[in-house]
Amino acid sequence: MNMTVKTQSNINVIHVLIIFLFILCFFVFTSCISTPFHQSDSINTIRSGVVKIFTTSVRPLHYIPWKMDNNESSTGSGAIIEGNMILTNAHVVSDSTYIEVQKENDPKKYKAKVLYIGH
């Protein structure tokens, strides 16, 4: 009998914890949706520092070193850093022959070049 009472009290504690977590999640969720993202200045600041990178690249054929593969177009993203330079991953601009960048809400694309790359 003593064992049954202990198990019953454990179940009650678990029920209380589940209800508490449910209420906590509800308040966190409602506070997130009560402030629309378009009103947040910090998100707009972050978005203004991100660019889309358009590349055209020609990769070498490693099994026929005197030939090059076909042209390939791809896109990636980068972040504007100090000095109006853009920081991106090496695979985005690797073997690129032509690079353009575009800021959000700007239809114009700007020509770019790789200064440093590390693999």
Protein backbone atom coordinates (compact mmCIF):
# COMPACT_ATOMS: atom_id res chain seq x y z
CA MET A 1 0.00 0.00 0.00
CA ASN A 2 2.79 2.38 0.86
CA MET A 3 4.32 1.75 -2.60
CA THR A 4 1.08 2.66 -4.39
CA VAL A 5 0.78 5.99 -2.56
CA LYS A 6 4.35 6.89 -3.49
CA THR A 7 3.71 6.10 -7.16
CA GLN A 8 0.49 8.13 -7.14
CA SER A 9 2.30 11.18 -5.71
CA ASN A 10 5.00 10.84 -8.38
CA ILE A 11 2.32 10.83 -11.07
CA ASN A 12 0.76 13.97 -9.57
CA VAL A 13 4.14 15.73 -9.58
CA ILE A 14 4.66 14.77 -13.23
CA HIS A 15 1.20 16.11 -14.12
CA VAL A 16 1.96 19.41 -12.37
CA LEU A 17 5.30 19.69 -14.20
CA ILE A 18 3.65 18.99 -17.57
CA ILE A 19 1.00 21.63 -16.94
CA PHE A 20 3.68 24.11 -15.85
CA LEU A 21 5.75 23.47 -19.00
CA PHE A 22 2.66 23.82 -21.17
CA ILE A 23 1.83 27.20 -19.62
CA LEU A 24 5.45 28.34 -19.94
CA CYS A 25 5.54 27.35 -23.64
CA PHE A 26 2.26 29.14 -24.22
CA PHE A 27 3.59 32.40 -22.76
CA VAL A 28 6.86 32.16 -24.68
CA PHE A 29 5.00 31.48 -27.94
CA THR A 30 2.50 34.31 -27.48
CA SER A 31 5.26 36.79 -26.60
CA CYS A 32 7.13 35.83 -29.79
CA ILE A 33 4.15 36.38 -32.06
CA SER A 34 3.00 39.57 -30.34
CA THR A 35 6.03 41.49 -31.73
CA PRO A 36 6.02 41.27 -35.54
CA PHE A 37 9.41 40.77 -37.16
CA HIS A 38 8.95 43.66 -39.59
CA GLN A 39 8.97 46.11 -36.69
CA SER A 40 12.27 44.94 -35.30
CA ASP A 41 15.16 47.28 -36.06
CA SER A 42 17.78 44.64 -35.25
CA ILE A 43 16.48 42.25 -37.91
CA ASN A 44 16.48 45.01 -40.52
CA THR A 45 20.05 45.89 -39.53
CA ILE A 46 21.13 42.28 -39.99
CA ARG A 47 19.34 41.98 -43.32
CA SER A 48 21.03 45.12 -44.65
CA GLY A 49 24.42 43.51 -44.00
CA VAL A 50 23.73 40.33 -46.00
CA VAL A 51 24.26 39.98 -49.75
CA LYS A 52 23.46 37.34 -52.33
CA ILE A 53 26.45 36.23 -54.37
CA PHE A 54 26.07 35.09 -58.00
CA THR A 55 29.04 33.23 -59.47
CA THR A 56 30.08 31.71 -62.75
CA SER A 57 32.85 29.18 -62.36
CA VAL A 58 34.87 26.73 -64.40
CA ARG A 59 36.21 23.77 -62.47
CA PRO A 60 39.25 21.84 -63.69
CA LEU A 61 38.87 18.23 -64.75
CA HIS A 62 41.25 16.45 -62.42
CA TYR A 63 41.48 13.32 -64.56
CA ILE A 64 42.28 15.41 -67.70
CA PRO A 65 44.30 18.35 -66.32
CA TRP A 66 44.64 20.22 -69.64
CA LYS A 67 40.84 20.51 -69.98
CA MET A 68 38.29 22.49 -68.04
CA ASP A 69 34.72 21.49 -67.19
CA ASN A 70 31.68 23.39 -68.48
CA ASN A 71 30.69 26.75 -67.04
CA GLU A 72 28.58 26.48 -63.92
CA SER A 73 26.42 29.14 -62.28
CA SER A 74 25.63 29.13 -58.58
CA THR A 75 24.57 31.41 -55.74
CA GLY A 76 25.54 31.85 -52.14
CA SER A 77 25.42 34.42 -49.38
CA GLY A 78 27.88 36.70 -47.69
CA ALA A 79 28.12 39.31 -44.96
CA ILE A 80 29.31 42.87 -45.45
CA ILE A 81 32.24 43.59 -43.14
CA GLU A 82 34.47 46.58 -42.44
CA GLY A 83 35.80 48.39 -45.50
CA ASN A 84 32.81 47.41 -47.68
CA MET A 85 34.30 43.95 -48.11
CA ILE A 86 32.24 40.76 -48.14
CA LEU A 87 32.98 37.67 -46.10
CA THR A 88 31.73 34.36 -47.49
CA ASN A 89 32.68 30.67 -47.51
CA ALA A 90 35.41 29.53 -49.89
CA HIS A 91 33.17 27.04 -51.69
CA VAL A 92 30.88 29.89 -52.82
CA VAL A 93 33.61 31.62 -54.85
CA SER A 94 35.97 28.73 -55.55
CA ASP A 95 37.13 28.54 -59.21
CA SER A 96 34.98 31.58 -60.04
CA THR A 97 35.53 33.47 -63.26
CA TYR A 98 32.79 36.06 -62.71
CA ILE A 99 31.20 37.26 -59.45
CA GLU A 100 28.30 39.62 -58.79
CA VAL A 101 26.71 40.62 -55.48
CA GLN A 102 23.23 41.95 -54.76
CA LYS A 103 21.87 43.59 -51.62
CA GLU A 104 18.35 42.90 -50.41
CA ASN A 105 15.69 45.12 -52.02
CA ASP A 106 18.21 46.39 -54.59
CA PRO A 107 17.67 45.19 -58.16
CA LYS A 108 21.19 46.19 -59.22
CA LYS A 109 24.01 43.64 -59.15
CA TYR A 110 27.56 44.79 -58.48
CA LYS A 111 30.67 43.17 -59.92
CA ALA A 112 33.04 41.75 -57.30
CA LYS A 113 36.42 40.01 -57.12
CA VAL A 114 38.09 37.61 -54.70
CA LEU A 115 40.88 39.17 -52.65
CA TYR A 116 41.69 36.23 -50.36
CA ILE A 117 40.57 32.62 -50.24
CA GLY A 118 41.40 29.73 -47.94
CA HIS A 119 40.30 26.11 -48.20
